[in-house]
Amino acid sequence: MADPVVTALREAATHRGFRLLASRVRTPGKGDYGKFGLTDPEGKPVLGVGKDGLGASAEEIEAFLRRSEMEFWKRSAAAPAQKSKKPKSAKAPPPALSPAPERSRRTKAPAKPPSPHSPAPAKERPKPKAKAAVPPLRFRLAKPSDGPALDRLLGMKDKGVAASRVAACHKAGGGVVVAERGEVIGCIACLPVPALHRPPAGRIATLFVADRHRREGIGTMLVEQAAALSAKAGCTTMEAMSDIEIRSAHGFFRKLDFDETSYRFARTLKEKPKNDDARMPHPARQGPRPER
């Protein structure tokens, strides 16, 4: 079973562009048992990597990663905002082709009769079959009947989970939008997040596009669909977590005019709800308290 400390350090290192090296020694007191090291993506030592093995403790690795994260945010805050690129001017349409001049008609000579020694005419090759038309891409709100398709898209092990969570998102005031091209090939889930110190913000909780349909702009169009839903729900901003499972999540959201404004902390709860519809108790719905 994987060590949770090693797993957490490896995820933190990967998130910051490093590779974590962990000692393979399993006997306490021998060699570099319990030690770690960091390298860059090309394998160049960064911290705790020496000729005699690894020499950094878990605490030292964690402190180094925290410092690097703080320096990154400071540089981001100090960097001037990039000016939006000017849209390229539309190219002029190509000139229309002029019709070719008509040639004078000449009487054709009568065809000569085939010679007995002439080769037989070649057989015509069969024309290739026309490819089936690609269904148009369209976006719509998810329905309960989309549950099996979403289970397959997201790789859900338990059947029926996606359908219940779609209903929970709609019940919470958010929504799930699917991208469809003959079948469901992508989805996005967004929820309004209320706060005391600011108006509600639309949070992108899930964004996924099937592997064979990526790099087609579908993810960008799904985000625009979520933005429209959030605006209708009264949200003035949108937020997305950088751990959404798409390649180069940071670069993807920067291209869509998202700014880095905060750092996310998460903790796994020991007690899990019995069902996905479990909610926090509302003080006004708990009834009067018994007198003491």
C-alpha atoms as a PDB file:
ATOM      1  CA  MET A   1       0.000   0.000   0.000  1.00  0.00           C
ATOM      2  CA  ALA A   2       1.391   3.417  -0.949  1.00  0.00           C
ATOM      3  CA  ASP A   3       2.662   5.634   1.871  1.00  0.00           C
ATOM      4  CA  PRO A   4       0.292   8.664   2.119  1.00  0.00           C
ATOM      5  CA  VAL A   5       3.235  10.953   2.970  1.00  0.00           C
ATOM      6  CA  VAL A   6       5.147   9.895  -0.152  1.00  0.00           C
ATOM      7  CA  THR A   7       1.990  10.228  -2.263  1.00  0.00           C
ATOM      8  CA  ALA A   8       1.292  13.750  -0.974  1.00  0.00           C
ATOM      9  CA  LEU A   9       4.905  14.867  -1.524  1.00  0.00           C
ATOM     10  CA  ARG A  10       4.967  13.401  -5.038  1.00  0.00           C
ATOM     11  CA  GLU A  11       1.733  15.198  -6.012  1.00  0.00           C
ATOM     12  CA  ALA A  12       2.999  18.487  -4.578  1.00  0.00           C
ATOM     13  CA  ALA A  13       6.325  18.130  -6.423  1.00  0.00           C
ATOM     14  CA  THR A  14       4.616  17.313  -9.725  1.00  0.00           C
ATOM     15  CA  HIS A  15       2.260  20.299  -9.307  1.00  0.00           C
ATOM     16  CA  ARG A  16       5.306  22.586  -9.023  1.00  0.00           C
ATOM     17  CA  GLY A  17       7.291  21.063 -11.901  1.00  0.00           C
ATOM     18  CA  PHE A  18       9.639  18.767  -9.946  1.00  0.00           C
ATOM     19  CA  ARG A  19      10.169  15.010  -9.665  1.00  0.00           C
ATOM     20  CA  LEU A  20      10.295  13.372  -6.224  1.00  0.00           C
ATOM     21  CA  LEU A  21      12.880  10.666  -5.524  1.00  0.00           C
ATOM     22  CA  ALA A  22      12.186   8.362  -2.556  1.00  0.00           C
ATOM     23  CA  SER A  23      14.663   5.952  -0.978  1.00  0.00           C
ATOM     24  CA  ARG A  24      14.221   2.293  -1.871  1.00  0.00           C
ATOM     25  CA  VAL A  25      15.944   1.088   1.292  1.00  0.00           C
ATOM     26  CA  ARG A  26      13.432  -0.743   3.496  1.00  0.00           C
ATOM     27  CA  THR A  27      15.632  -1.399   6.543  1.00  0.00           C
ATOM     28  CA  PRO A  28      15.692   1.399   9.162  1.00  0.00           C
ATOM     29  CA  GLY A  29      19.153   2.698   9.971  1.00  0.00           C
ATOM     30  CA  LYS A  30      20.748   1.575   6.718  1.00  0.00           C
ATOM     31  CA  GLY A  31      21.834   3.824   3.857  1.00  0.00           C
ATOM     32  CA  ASP A  32      19.423   6.625   2.987  1.00  0.00           C
ATOM     33  CA  TYR A  33      16.370   4.972   4.563  1.00  0.00           C
ATOM     34  CA  GLY A  34      13.442   7.410   4.823  1.00  0.00           C
ATOM     35  CA  LYS A  35      15.201  10.122   2.785  1.00  0.00           C
ATOM     36  CA  PHE A  36      14.022  11.985  -0.315  1.00  0.00           C
ATOM     37  CA  GLY A  37      15.337  14.149  -3.132  1.00  0.00           C
ATOM     38  CA  LEU A  38      14.089  16.496  -5.854  1.00  0.00           C
ATOM     39  CA  THR A  39      15.092  16.848  -9.512  1.00  0.00           C
ATOM     40  CA  ASP A  40      13.825  18.918 -12.408  1.00  0.00           C
ATOM     41  CA  PRO A  41      11.883  17.232 -15.256  1.00  0.00           C
ATOM     42  CA  GLU A  42      15.185  16.504 -17.063  1.00  0.00           C
ATOM     43  CA  GLY A  43      16.673  14.725 -14.040  1.00  0.00           C
ATOM     44  CA  LYS A  44      18.988  17.526 -12.854  1.00  0.00           C
ATOM     45  CA  PRO A  45      19.397  17.420  -9.030  1.00  0.00           C
ATOM     46  CA  VAL A  46      17.634  20.230  -7.166  1.00  0.00           C
ATOM     47  CA  LEU A  47      17.598  19.182  -3.491  1.00  0.00           C
ATOM     48  CA  GLY A  48      18.835  16.247  -1.417  1.00  0.00           C
ATOM     49  CA  VAL A  49      20.504  14.271  -4.236  1.00  0.00           C
ATOM     50  CA  GLY A  50      24.128  13.295  -3.636  1.00  0.00           C
ATOM     51  CA  LYS A  51      26.719  10.693  -4.620  1.00  0.00           C
ATOM     52  CA  ASP A  52      25.964   8.624  -1.505  1.00  0.00           C
ATOM     53  CA  GLY A  53      22.203   8.619  -2.086  1.00  0.00           C
ATOM     54  CA  LEU A  54      19.314  10.786  -0.933  1.00  0.00           C
ATOM     55  CA  GLY A  55      19.695  13.133   2.010  1.00  0.00           C
ATOM     56  CA  ALA A  56      16.596  15.313   2.477  1.00  0.00           C
ATOM     57  CA  SER A  57      13.865  14.599   5.009  1.00  0.00           C
ATOM     58  CA  ALA A  58      10.141  14.818   4.268  1.00  0.00           C
ATOM     59  CA  GLU A  59       9.933  18.069   6.247  1.00  0.00           C
ATOM     60  CA  GLU A  60      12.770  19.621   4.210  1.00  0.00           C
ATOM     61  CA  ILE A  61      11.104  18.633   0.933  1.00  0.00           C
ATOM     62  CA  GLU A  62       7.774  20.093   2.084  1.00  0.00           C
ATOM     63  CA  ALA A  63       9.393  23.357   3.225  1.00  0.00           C
ATOM     64  CA  PHE A  64      11.252  23.712  -0.096  1.00  0.00           C
ATOM     65  CA  LEU A  65       8.057  23.164  -2.110  1.00  0.00           C
ATOM     66  CA  ARG A  66       6.173  25.736  -0.003  1.00  0.00           C
ATOM     67  CA  ARG A  67       8.923  28.307  -0.583  1.00  0.00           C
ATOM     68  CA  SER A  68       8.924  27.673  -4.321  1.00  0.00           C
ATOM     69  CA  GLU A  69       5.133  28.067  -4.396  1.00  0.00           C
ATOM     70  CA  MET A  70       5.297  31.404  -2.551  1.00  0.00           C
ATOM     71  CA  GLU A  71       8.013  32.681  -4.902  1.00  0.00           C
ATOM     72  CA  PHE A  72       5.858  31.666  -7.883  1.00  0.00           C
ATOM     73  CA  TRP A  73       2.839  33.602  -6.579  1.00  0.00           C
ATOM     74  CA  LYS A  74       5.018  36.662  -5.833  1.00  0.00           C
ATOM     75  CA  ARG A  75       6.357  36.647  -9.395  1.00  0.00           C
ATOM     76  CA  SER A  76       2.812  36.241 -10.756  1.00  0.00           C
ATOM     77  CA  ALA A  77       1.579  39.200  -8.703  1.00  0.00           C
ATOM     78  CA  ALA A  78       4.530  41.405  -9.725  1.00  0.00           C
ATOM     79  CA  ALA A  79       4.366  40.555 -13.427  1.00  0.00           C
ATOM     80  CA  PRO A  80       2.517  43.130 -15.558  1.00  0.00           C
ATOM     81  CA  ALA A  81      -0.750  42.012 -17.102  1.00  0.00           C
ATOM     82  CA  GLN A  82      -0.344  40.842 -20.663  1.00  0.00           C
ATOM     83  CA  LYS A  83      -2.107  42.891 -23.279  1.00  0.00           C
ATOM     84  CA  SER A  84      -4.767  41.064 -25.178  1.00  0.00           C
ATOM     85  CA  LYS A  85      -3.717  40.157 -28.657  1.00  0.00           C
ATOM     86  CA  LYS A  86      -5.348  42.117 -31.445  1.00  0.00           C
ATOM     87  CA  PRO A  87      -7.592  40.002 -33.612  1.00  0.00           C
ATOM     88  CA  LYS A  88      -6.097  39.249 -36.943  1.00  0.00           C
ATOM     89  CA  SER A  89      -7.700  41.112 -39.795  1.00  0.00           C
ATOM     90  CA  ALA A  90      -9.825  38.937 -42.006  1.00  0.00           C
ATOM     91  CA  LYS A  91      -8.126  37.975 -45.221  1.00  0.00           C
ATOM     92  CA  ALA A  92      -9.676  39.205 -48.425  1.00  0.00           C
ATOM     93  CA  PRO A  93     -11.549  36.480 -50.286  1.00  0.00           C
ATOM     94  CA  PRO A  94      -9.695  35.070 -53.273  1.00  0.00           C
ATOM     95  CA  PRO A  95     -10.710  36.572 -56.630  1.00  0.00           C
ATOM     96  CA  ALA A  96     -13.396  34.723 -58.513  1.00  0.00           C
ATOM     97  CA  LEU A  97     -12.159  32.532 -61.311  1.00  0.00           C
ATOM     98  CA  SER A  98     -13.037  33.809 -64.762  1.00  0.00           C
ATOM     99  CA  PRO A  99     -14.527  31.293 -67.197  1.00  0.00           C
ATOM    100  CA  ALA A 100     -12.146  29.844 -69.753  1.00  0.00           C
ATOM    101  CA  PRO A 101     -12.587  31.144 -73.324  1.00  0.00           C
ATOM    102  CA  GLU A 102     -14.569  28.883 -75.564  1.00  0.00           C
ATOM    103  CA  ARG A 103     -12.613  27.145 -78.266  1.00  0.00           C
ATOM    104  CA  SER A 104     -13.845  26.934 -81.789  1.00  0.00           C
ATOM    105  CA  ARG A 105     -15.746  23.773 -82.374  1.00  0.00           C
ATOM    106  CA  ARG A 106     -14.155  21.392 -84.809  1.00  0.00           C
ATOM    107  CA  THR A 107     -15.679  18.391 -86.405  1.00  0.00           C
ATOM    108  CA  LYS A 108     -14.155  15.256 -84.993  1.00  0.00           C
ATOM    109  CA  ALA A 109     -12.875  12.627 -87.344  1.00  0.00           C
ATOM    110  CA  PRO A 110     -14.780   9.358 -87.227  1.00  0.00           C
ATOM    111  CA  ALA A 111     -13.310   6.865 -84.825  1.00  0.00           C
ATOM    112  CA  LYS A 112     -11.130   4.193 -86.364  1.00  0.00           C
ATOM    113  CA  PRO A 113     -12.333   0.627 -86.010  1.00  0.00           C
ATOM    114  CA  PRO A 114     -10.421  -1.277 -83.312  1.00  0.00           C
ATOM    115  CA  SER A 115      -7.475  -3.269 -84.565  1.00  0.00           C
ATOM    116  CA  PRO A 116      -7.491  -7.000 -83.813  1.00  0.00           C
ATOM    117  CA  HIS A 117      -4.030  -6.562 -82.254  1.00  0.00           C
ATOM    118  CA  SER A 118      -4.990  -3.601 -80.038  1.00  0.00           C
ATOM    119  CA  PRO A 119      -5.114  -4.309 -76.236  1.00  0.00           C
ATOM    120  CA  ALA A 120      -8.444  -4.650 -74.469  1.00  0.00           C
ATOM    121  CA  PRO A 121      -9.689  -1.457 -72.760  1.00  0.00           C
ATOM    122  CA  ALA A 122      -8.823  -1.206 -69.052  1.00  0.00           C
ATOM    123  CA  LYS A 123     -11.606  -1.883 -66.593  1.00  0.00           C
ATOM    124  CA  GLU A 124     -12.867   1.083 -64.612  1.00  0.00           C
ATOM    125  CA  ARG A 125     -11.912   1.073 -60.938  1.00  0.00           C
ATOM    126  CA  PRO A 126     -14.804   1.140 -58.491  1.00  0.00           C
ATOM    127  CA  LYS A 127     -15.333   4.555 -56.964  1.00  0.00           C
ATOM    128  CA  PRO A 128     -14.569   4.752 -53.214  1.00  0.00           C
ATOM    129  CA  LYS A 129     -17.587   4.916 -50.971  1.00  0.00           C
ATOM    130  CA  ALA A 130     -18.385   8.332 -49.575  1.00  0.00           C
ATOM    131  CA  LYS A 131     -17.552   8.766 -45.882  1.00  0.00           C
ATOM    132  CA  ALA A 132     -20.437   9.008 -43.476  1.00  0.00           C
ATOM    133  CA  ALA A 133     -21.329  12.570 -42.535  1.00  0.00           C
ATOM    134  CA  VAL A 134     -20.038  13.648 -39.106  1.00  0.00           C
ATOM    135  CA  PRO A 135     -22.918  14.558 -36.753  1.00  0.00           C
ATOM    136  CA  PRO A 136     -22.973  18.251 -35.751  1.00  0.00           C
ATOM    137  CA  LEU A 137     -21.625  19.285 -32.352  1.00  0.00           C
ATOM    138  CA  ARG A 138     -24.252  20.587 -29.944  1.00  0.00           C
ATOM    139  CA  PHE A 139     -24.470  21.462 -26.252  1.00  0.00           C
ATOM    140  CA  ARG A 140     -27.408  20.873 -23.915  1.00  0.00           C
ATOM    141  CA  LEU A 141     -28.267  20.378 -20.253  1.00  0.00           C
ATOM    142  CA  ALA A 142     -27.695  16.847 -19.003  1.00  0.00           C
ATOM    143  CA  LYS A 143     -30.720  14.621 -18.392  1.00  0.00           C
ATOM    144  CA  PRO A 144     -31.111  11.627 -16.043  1.00  0.00           C
ATOM    145  CA  SER A 145     -31.016   9.385 -19.118  1.00  0.00           C
ATOM    146  CA  ASP A 146     -27.433  10.588 -19.776  1.00  0.00           C
ATOM    147  CA  GLY A 147     -26.268   8.739 -16.645  1.00  0.00           C
ATOM    148  CA  PRO A 148     -24.875   5.610 -18.407  1.00  0.00           C
ATOM    149  CA  ALA A 149     -23.054   7.721 -21.032  1.00  0.00           C
ATOM    150  CA  LEU A 150     -21.507   9.922 -18.312  1.00  0.00           C
ATOM    151  CA  ASP A 151     -20.508   6.816 -16.326  1.00  0.00           C
ATOM    152  CA  ARG A 152     -18.576   5.560 -19.368  1.00  0.00           C
ATOM    153  CA  LEU A 153     -17.082   8.984 -20.166  1.00  0.00           C
ATOM    154  CA  LEU A 154     -15.808   9.567 -16.613  1.00  0.00           C
ATOM    155  CA  GLY A 155     -14.825   5.929 -16.001  1.00  0.00           C
ATOM    156  CA  MET A 156     -17.227   5.466 -13.091  1.00  0.00           C
ATOM    157  CA  LYS A 157     -16.961   2.022 -11.510  1.00  0.00           C
ATOM    158  CA  ASP A 158     -20.387   2.197  -9.840  1.00  0.00           C
ATOM    159  CA  LYS A 159     -23.279   2.450 -12.290  1.00  0.00           C
ATOM    160  CA  GLY A 160     -25.914   5.082 -11.638  1.00  0.00           C
ATOM    161  CA  VAL A 161     -23.604   7.432  -9.707  1.00  0.00           C
ATOM    162  CA  ALA A 162     -23.384  10.042 -12.468  1.00  0.00           C
ATOM    163  CA  ALA A 163     -27.181  10.273 -12.835  1.00  0.00           C
ATOM    164  CA  SER A 164     -27.690  10.933  -9.113  1.00  0.00           C
ATOM    165  CA  ARG A 165     -24.945  13.578  -9.073  1.00  0.00           C
ATOM    166  CA  VAL A 166     -26.405  15.335 -12.106  1.00  0.00           C
ATOM    167  CA  ALA A 167     -29.681  15.625 -10.199  1.00  0.00           C
ATOM    168  CA  ALA A 168     -27.805  16.898  -7.117  1.00  0.00           C
ATOM    169  CA  CYS A 169     -26.073  19.622  -9.183  1.00  0.00           C
ATOM    170  CA  HIS A 170     -29.385  20.851 -10.606  1.00  0.00           C
ATOM    171  CA  LYS A 171     -30.973  20.744  -7.145  1.00  0.00           C
ATOM    172  CA  ALA A 172     -28.124  22.882  -5.747  1.00  0.00           C
ATOM    173  CA  GLY A 173     -28.842  25.615  -8.302  1.00  0.00           C
ATOM    174  CA  GLY A 174     -26.048  24.648 -10.690  1.00  0.00           C
ATOM    175  CA  GLY A 175     -26.061  22.592 -13.818  1.00  0.00           C
ATOM    176  CA  VAL A 176     -24.311  19.980 -15.942  1.00  0.00           C
ATOM    177  CA  VAL A 177     -23.823  20.637 -19.661  1.00  0.00           C
ATOM    178  CA  VAL A 178     -22.878  17.846 -22.067  1.00  0.00           C
ATOM    179  CA  ALA A 179     -21.207  18.103 -25.469  1.00  0.00           C
ATOM    180  CA  GLU A 180     -22.814  15.744 -27.953  1.00  0.00           C
ATOM    181  CA  ARG A 181     -21.749  14.610 -31.411  1.00  0.00           C
ATOM    182  CA  GLY A 182     -23.871  11.567 -32.019  1.00  0.00           C
ATOM    183  CA  GLU A 183     -22.903  10.540 -28.466  1.00  0.00           C
ATOM    184  CA  VAL A 184     -21.815  12.310 -25.270  1.00  0.00           C
ATOM    185  CA  ILE A 185     -18.139  13.287 -25.733  1.00  0.00           C
ATOM    186  CA  GLY A 186     -17.660  15.888 -22.975  1.00  0.00           C
ATOM    187  CA  CYS A 187     -19.251  17.467 -19.929  1.00  0.00           C
ATOM    188  CA  ILE A 188     -18.874  20.342 -17.471  1.00  0.00           C
ATOM    189  CA  ALA A 189     -20.457  20.815 -14.047  1.00  0.00           C
ATOM    190  CA  CYS A 190     -20.722  24.219 -12.361  1.00  0.00           C
ATOM    191  CA  LEU A 191     -22.238  25.318  -9.066  1.00  0.00           C
ATOM    192  CA  PRO A 192     -22.946  28.746  -7.543  1.00  0.00           C
ATOM    193  CA  VAL A 193     -20.835  29.173  -4.394  1.00  0.00           C
ATOM    194  CA  PRO A 194     -22.282  31.769  -1.977  1.00  0.00           C
ATOM    195  CA  ALA A 195     -20.036  33.770   0.350  1.00  0.00           C
ATOM    196  CA  LEU A 196     -20.457  36.423   3.031  1.00  0.00           C
ATOM    197  CA  HIS A 197     -17.785  38.815   1.761  1.00  0.00           C
ATOM    198  CA  ARG A 198     -18.639  38.807  -1.969  1.00  0.00           C
ATOM    199  CA  PRO A 199     -21.410  37.941  -4.448  1.00  0.00           C
ATOM    200  CA  PRO A 200     -21.754  34.269  -5.400  1.00  0.00           C
ATOM    201  CA  ALA A 201     -19.162  32.802  -7.756  1.00  0.00           C
ATOM    202  CA  GLY A 202     -19.721  30.079 -10.334  1.00  0.00           C
ATOM    203  CA  ARG A 203     -17.335  27.223  -9.612  1.00  0.00           C
ATOM    204  CA  ILE A 204     -16.334  24.703 -12.278  1.00  0.00           C
ATOM    205  CA  ALA A 205     -16.328  21.395 -10.421  1.00  0.00           C
ATOM    206  CA  THR A 206     -15.852  19.006 -13.354  1.00  0.00           C
ATOM    207  CA  LEU A 207     -14.531  19.458 -16.895  1.00  0.00           C
ATOM    208  CA  PHE A 208     -13.854  16.426 -19.079  1.00  0.00           C
ATOM    209  CA  VAL A 209     -13.552  15.730 -22.816  1.00  0.00           C
ATOM    210  CA  ALA A 210     -13.078  12.285 -24.377  1.00  0.00           C
ATOM    211  CA  ASP A 211      -9.478  11.604 -25.465  1.00  0.00           C
ATOM    212  CA  ARG A 212     -10.257  11.215 -29.178  1.00  0.00           C
ATOM    213  CA  HIS A 213     -12.063  14.584 -29.283  1.00  0.00           C
ATOM    214  CA  ARG A 214      -9.486  16.746 -27.484  1.00  0.00           C
ATOM    215  CA  ARG A 215      -7.618  19.615 -29.144  1.00  0.00           C
ATOM    216  CA  GLU A 216     -10.815  20.572 -30.987  1.00  0.00           C
ATOM    217  CA  GLY A 217     -11.857  23.539 -28.808  1.00  0.00           C
ATOM    218  CA  ILE A 218     -14.641  21.585 -27.102  1.00  0.00           C
ATOM    219  CA  GLY A 219     -13.301  22.328 -23.597  1.00  0.00           C
ATOM    220  CA  THR A 220     -13.290  26.065 -24.316  1.00  0.00           C
ATOM    221  CA  MET A 221     -16.879  25.954 -25.573  1.00  0.00           C
ATOM    222  CA  LEU A 222     -17.961  23.995 -22.484  1.00  0.00           C
ATOM    223  CA  VAL A 223     -16.472  26.701 -20.240  1.00  0.00           C
ATOM    224  CA  GLU A 224     -18.469  29.352 -22.134  1.00  0.00           C
ATOM    225  CA  GLN A 225     -21.636  27.311 -21.582  1.00  0.00           C
ATOM    226  CA  ALA A 226     -20.870  27.173 -17.842  1.00  0.00           C
ATOM    227  CA  ALA A 227     -20.254  30.934 -17.794  1.00  0.00           C
ATOM    228  CA  ALA A 228     -23.708  31.556 -19.263  1.00  0.00           C
ATOM    229  CA  LEU A 229     -25.339  29.303 -16.640  1.00  0.00           C
ATOM    230  CA  SER A 230     -23.440  31.032 -13.817  1.00  0.00           C
ATOM    231  CA  ALA A 231     -24.484  34.477 -15.032  1.00  0.00           C
ATOM    232  CA  LYS A 232     -28.148  33.398 -15.045  1.00  0.00           C
ATOM    233  CA  ALA A 233     -27.715  32.172 -11.451  1.00  0.00           C
ATOM    234  CA  GLY A 234     -26.560  35.667 -10.355  1.00  0.00           C
ATOM    235  CA  CYS A 235     -22.823  34.951 -10.220  1.00  0.00           C
ATOM    236  CA  THR A 236     -20.443  37.800 -11.016  1.00  0.00           C
ATOM    237  CA  THR A 237     -17.243  35.750 -11.259  1.00  0.00           C
ATOM    238  CA  MET A 238     -16.161  32.252 -12.178  1.00  0.00           C
ATOM    239  CA  GLU A 239     -13.504  30.109 -10.552  1.00  0.00           C
ATOM    240  CA  ALA A 240     -11.849  26.834 -11.459  1.00  0.00           C
ATOM    241  CA  MET A 241      -9.507  24.507  -9.592  1.00  0.00           C
ATOM    242  CA  SER A 242      -6.141  23.779 -11.202  1.00  0.00           C
ATOM    243  CA  ASP A 243      -6.419  20.062 -10.333  1.00  0.00           C
ATOM    244  CA  ILE A 244      -9.112  19.515 -12.972  1.00  0.00           C
ATOM    245  CA  GLU A 245      -7.922  16.566 -15.034  1.00  0.00           C
ATOM    246  CA  ILE A 246      -6.962  18.223 -18.311  1.00  0.00           C
ATOM    247  CA  ARG A 247      -3.492  18.639 -19.722  1.00  0.00           C
ATOM    248  CA  SER A 248      -1.833  21.962 -18.829  1.00  0.00           C
ATOM    249  CA  ALA A 249      -4.758  23.174 -16.722  1.00  0.00           C
ATOM    250  CA  HIS A 250      -2.961  26.417 -15.746  1.00  0.00           C
ATOM    251  CA  GLY A 251      -2.261  27.404 -19.349  1.00  0.00           C
ATOM    252  CA  PHE A 252      -5.773  26.409 -20.454  1.00  0.00           C
ATOM    253  CA  PHE A 253      -7.505  28.707 -17.956  1.00  0.00           C
ATOM    254  CA  ARG A 254      -5.053  31.588 -18.524  1.00  0.00           C
ATOM    255  CA  LYS A 255      -5.980  31.580 -22.225  1.00  0.00           C
ATOM    256  CA  LEU A 256      -9.629  31.961 -21.178  1.00  0.00           C
ATOM    257  CA  ASP A 257      -8.795  35.133 -19.147  1.00  0.00           C
ATOM    258  CA  PHE A 258      -8.794  33.398 -15.735  1.00  0.00           C
ATOM    259  CA  ASP A 259      -6.417  34.965 -13.181  1.00  0.00           C
ATOM    260  CA  GLU A 260      -4.582  33.134 -10.384  1.00  0.00           C
ATOM    261  CA  THR A 261      -6.132  34.556  -7.218  1.00  0.00           C
ATOM    262  CA  SER A 262      -5.798  31.953  -4.456  1.00  0.00           C
ATOM    263  CA  TYR A 263      -4.299  28.657  -3.349  1.00  0.00           C
ATOM    264  CA  ARG A 264      -6.410  25.582  -2.656  1.00  0.00           C
ATOM    265  CA  PHE A 265      -6.265  23.465   0.501  1.00  0.00           C
ATOM    266  CA  ALA A 266      -8.160  20.173   0.737  1.00  0.00           C
ATOM    267  CA  ARG A 267      -8.679  17.495   3.385  1.00  0.00           C
ATOM    268  CA  THR A 268     -10.352  14.110   3.122  1.00  0.00           C
ATOM    269  CA  LEU A 269     -13.234  13.656   5.576  1.00  0.00           C
ATOM    270  CA  LYS A 270     -13.186  10.451   7.612  1.00  0.00           C
ATOM    271  CA  GLU A 271     -16.970  10.142   7.817  1.00  0.00           C
ATOM    272  CA  LYS A 272     -18.580   9.969   4.395  1.00  0.00           C
ATOM    273  CA  PRO A 273     -22.307  10.651   3.787  1.00  0.00           C
ATOM    274  CA  LYS A 274     -24.515   7.621   3.206  1.00  0.00           C
ATOM    275  CA  ASN A 275     -25.762   9.092  -0.069  1.00  0.00           C
ATOM    276  CA  ASP A 276     -24.845  11.888  -2.447  1.00  0.00           C
ATOM    277  CA  ASP A 277     -27.868  13.988  -1.417  1.00  0.00           C
ATOM    278  CA  ALA A 278     -26.678  14.416   2.175  1.00  0.00           C
ATOM    279  CA  ARG A 279     -26.511  18.101   3.179  1.00  0.00           C
ATOM    280  CA  MET A 280     -25.333  20.145   6.119  1.00  0.00           C
ATOM    281  CA  PRO A 281     -28.161  20.788   8.622  1.00  0.00           C
ATOM    282  CA  HIS A 282     -29.788  24.204   8.322  1.00  0.00           C
ATOM    283  CA  PRO A 283     -30.292  25.990  11.689  1.00  0.00           C
ATOM    284  CA  ALA A 284     -33.768  27.206  10.730  1.00  0.00           C
ATOM    285  CA  ARG A 285     -34.927  23.675   9.892  1.00  0.00           C
ATOM    286  CA  GLN A 286     -33.773  21.907  13.022  1.00  0.00           C
ATOM    287  CA  GLY A 287     -36.812  22.989  15.053  1.00  0.00           C
ATOM    288  CA  PRO A 288     -36.886  24.544  18.521  1.00  0.00           C
ATOM    289  CA  ARG A 289     -34.279  23.441  21.004  1.00  0.00           C
ATOM    290  CA  PRO A 290     -35.550  21.634  24.118  1.00  0.00           C
ATOM    291  CA  GLU A 291     -35.594  23.704  27.281  1.00  0.00           C
ATOM    292  CA  ARG A 292     -33.002  22.816  29.920  1.00  0.00           C
END
